[in-house]
Every structure is written in structure tokens, then in C-alpha cells.
Amino acid sequence: MDNIYWSTDEPHADNSETMCDYLENINMLDITMVDGTYAEGVNCMGEKYEVHAGGNGDHYNHMVSFKLINDKTQEVD
């Protein structure tokens, strides 16, 4: 998945606030766990991703990046 970038009118105090903003307003995954700036979620195809929230230059610009944890086609029954 591609990184997501966005801006806010109000600054975020930290990257945990960025994660909350992403989850409340942008997220399209089925989130299975959240721990501060880290989360995990599953898309509609069953692929599980790490989600990492961070800044993008200042307190008004933000980004979330994704890393594939597994692919349902690789799971063994």
C-alpha cells in the first residue's frame, strides 16, 4: 500500500495524535490492534498490514506508512 499524506489546520502534539486522526478520519482497514504510533489492520482481501504514523516535516503535515505482514495466499492450513 502507498503512504498516505495529509495536512490539518490544528497541529498534532505527537505521532500518537496522528495515528488517532488517521484511524478516525481516513482508515479503510479492519484494525486489529493499536499501540501508540503503531497499529495492525486487515484489508478486504485478507492481507494484514503494519500501520506506522509519523510526521511529514512539521506538526501540521502527517503521514502513515504500511508494511505487509502476511498475504492470505501464503497462509498454510
C-alpha atoms as a PDB file:
ATOM      1  CA  MET A   1       0.000   0.000   0.000  1.00  0.00           C
ATOM      2  CA  ASP A   2       1.139   3.516  -0.708  1.00  0.00           C
ATOM      3  CA  ASN A   3       1.864   6.010   2.058  1.00  0.00           C
ATOM      4  CA  ILE A   4      -0.952   8.396   2.946  1.00  0.00           C
ATOM      5  CA  TYR A   5      -0.169  12.098   3.414  1.00  0.00           C
ATOM      6  CA  TRP A   6      -2.482  14.796   4.776  1.00  0.00           C
ATOM      7  CA  SER A   7      -2.492  18.189   6.479  1.00  0.00           C
ATOM      8  CA  THR A   8      -4.516  19.581   9.373  1.00  0.00           C
ATOM      9  CA  ASP A   9      -5.468  23.121  10.385  1.00  0.00           C
ATOM     10  CA  GLU A  10      -4.561  22.349  14.005  1.00  0.00           C
ATOM     11  CA  PRO A  11      -1.121  20.946  14.899  1.00  0.00           C
ATOM     12  CA  HIS A  12      -0.691  17.417  16.238  1.00  0.00           C
ATOM     13  CA  ALA A  13       1.161  17.305  19.555  1.00  0.00           C
ATOM     14  CA  ASP A  14       2.750  13.941  18.747  1.00  0.00           C
ATOM     15  CA  ASN A  15       2.556  10.962  16.400  1.00  0.00           C
ATOM     16  CA  SER A  16       0.042   9.163  18.636  1.00  0.00           C
ATOM     17  CA  GLU A  17      -2.364  12.007  17.863  1.00  0.00           C
ATOM     18  CA  THR A  18      -1.573  11.494  14.168  1.00  0.00           C
ATOM     19  CA  MET A  19      -2.498   7.798  14.489  1.00  0.00           C
ATOM     20  CA  CYS A  20      -5.798   8.700  16.184  1.00  0.00           C
ATOM     21  CA  ASP A  21      -6.597  11.216  13.437  1.00  0.00           C
ATOM     22  CA  TYR A  22      -5.818   8.627  10.753  1.00  0.00           C
ATOM     23  CA  LEU A  23      -7.952   5.945  12.423  1.00  0.00           C
ATOM     24  CA  GLU A  24     -10.914   8.292  12.994  1.00  0.00           C
ATOM     25  CA  ASN A  25     -10.941  10.040   9.622  1.00  0.00           C
ATOM     26  CA  ILE A  26      -9.023   8.155   6.908  1.00  0.00           C
ATOM     27  CA  ASN A  27      -8.586   4.464   7.758  1.00  0.00           C
ATOM     28  CA  MET A  28     -10.052   1.818   5.437  1.00  0.00           C
ATOM     29  CA  LEU A  29      -8.598  -1.292   7.129  1.00  0.00           C
ATOM     30  CA  ASP A  30     -10.171  -3.538   9.742  1.00  0.00           C
ATOM     31  CA  ILE A  31      -7.918  -2.523  12.651  1.00  0.00           C
ATOM     32  CA  THR A  32      -7.000  -5.395  14.965  1.00  0.00           C
ATOM     33  CA  MET A  33      -4.669  -3.597  17.400  1.00  0.00           C
ATOM     34  CA  VAL A  34      -3.331  -0.131  18.202  1.00  0.00           C
ATOM     35  CA  ASP A  35      -0.303   0.782  20.310  1.00  0.00           C
ATOM     36  CA  GLY A  36       0.509   4.491  20.100  1.00  0.00           C
ATOM     37  CA  THR A  37       2.016   5.196  16.691  1.00  0.00           C
ATOM     38  CA  TYR A  38       1.712   1.538  15.587  1.00  0.00           C
ATOM     39  CA  ALA A  39      -1.359  -0.390  14.504  1.00  0.00           C
ATOM     40  CA  GLU A  40      -2.236  -3.533  12.601  1.00  0.00           C
ATOM     41  CA  GLY A  41      -5.118  -3.979  10.203  1.00  0.00           C
ATOM     42  CA  VAL A  42      -6.549  -6.272   7.550  1.00  0.00           C
ATOM     43  CA  ASN A  43      -7.852  -5.208   4.137  1.00  0.00           C
ATOM     44  CA  CYS A  44     -10.825  -6.698   2.253  1.00  0.00           C
ATOM     45  CA  MET A  45      -8.533  -9.238   0.566  1.00  0.00           C
ATOM     46  CA  GLY A  46      -7.335 -10.638   3.897  1.00  0.00           C
ATOM     47  CA  GLU A  47      -3.877  -9.047   3.744  1.00  0.00           C
ATOM     48  CA  LYS A  48      -2.562  -7.904   7.129  1.00  0.00           C
ATOM     49  CA  TYR A  49      -0.523  -4.696   7.396  1.00  0.00           C
ATOM     50  CA  GLU A  50       1.552  -2.855   9.946  1.00  0.00           C
ATOM     51  CA  VAL A  51       0.477   0.806  10.093  1.00  0.00           C
ATOM     52  CA  HIS A  52       3.053   3.423  11.185  1.00  0.00           C
ATOM     53  CA  ALA A  53       2.053   7.040  11.899  1.00  0.00           C
ATOM     54  CA  GLY A  54       4.529   9.901  11.748  1.00  0.00           C
ATOM     55  CA  GLY A  55       5.132  13.492  10.885  1.00  0.00           C
ATOM     56  CA  ASN A  56       5.906  14.879   7.466  1.00  0.00           C
ATOM     57  CA  GLY A  57       8.016  17.950   8.112  1.00  0.00           C
ATOM     58  CA  ASP A  58       6.078  19.794  10.813  1.00  0.00           C
ATOM     59  CA  HIS A  59       3.145  19.498  13.250  1.00  0.00           C
ATOM     60  CA  TYR A  60       0.583  20.271  10.502  1.00  0.00           C
ATOM     61  CA  ASN A  61       1.652  17.671   7.921  1.00  0.00           C
ATOM     62  CA  HIS A  62       1.345  13.962   8.591  1.00  0.00           C
ATOM     63  CA  MET A  63       1.888  10.556   7.049  1.00  0.00           C
ATOM     64  CA  VAL A  64       1.016   6.940   7.603  1.00  0.00           C
ATOM     65  CA  SER A  65       3.057   4.131   6.054  1.00  0.00           C
ATOM     66  CA  PHE A  66       2.185   0.463   5.664  1.00  0.00           C
ATOM     67  CA  LYS A  67       4.153  -2.789   5.687  1.00  0.00           C
ATOM     68  CA  LEU A  68       2.634  -6.092   4.609  1.00  0.00           C
ATOM     69  CA  ILE A  69       2.761  -8.620   7.465  1.00  0.00           C
ATOM     70  CA  ASN A  70       1.295 -11.543   5.580  1.00  0.00           C
ATOM     71  CA  ASP A  71      -0.562 -12.407   2.443  1.00  0.00           C
ATOM     72  CA  LYS A  72      -3.519 -14.766   2.698  1.00  0.00           C
ATOM     73  CA  THR A  73      -2.203 -16.650  -0.341  1.00  0.00           C
ATOM     74  CA  GLN A  74       0.888 -17.613   1.697  1.00  0.00           C
ATOM     75  CA  GLU A  75      -1.024 -18.982   4.708  1.00  0.00           C
ATOM     76  CA  VAL A  76      -0.814 -22.721   5.291  1.00  0.00           C
ATOM     77  CA  ASP A  77      -3.840 -24.648   6.595  1.00  0.00           C
END
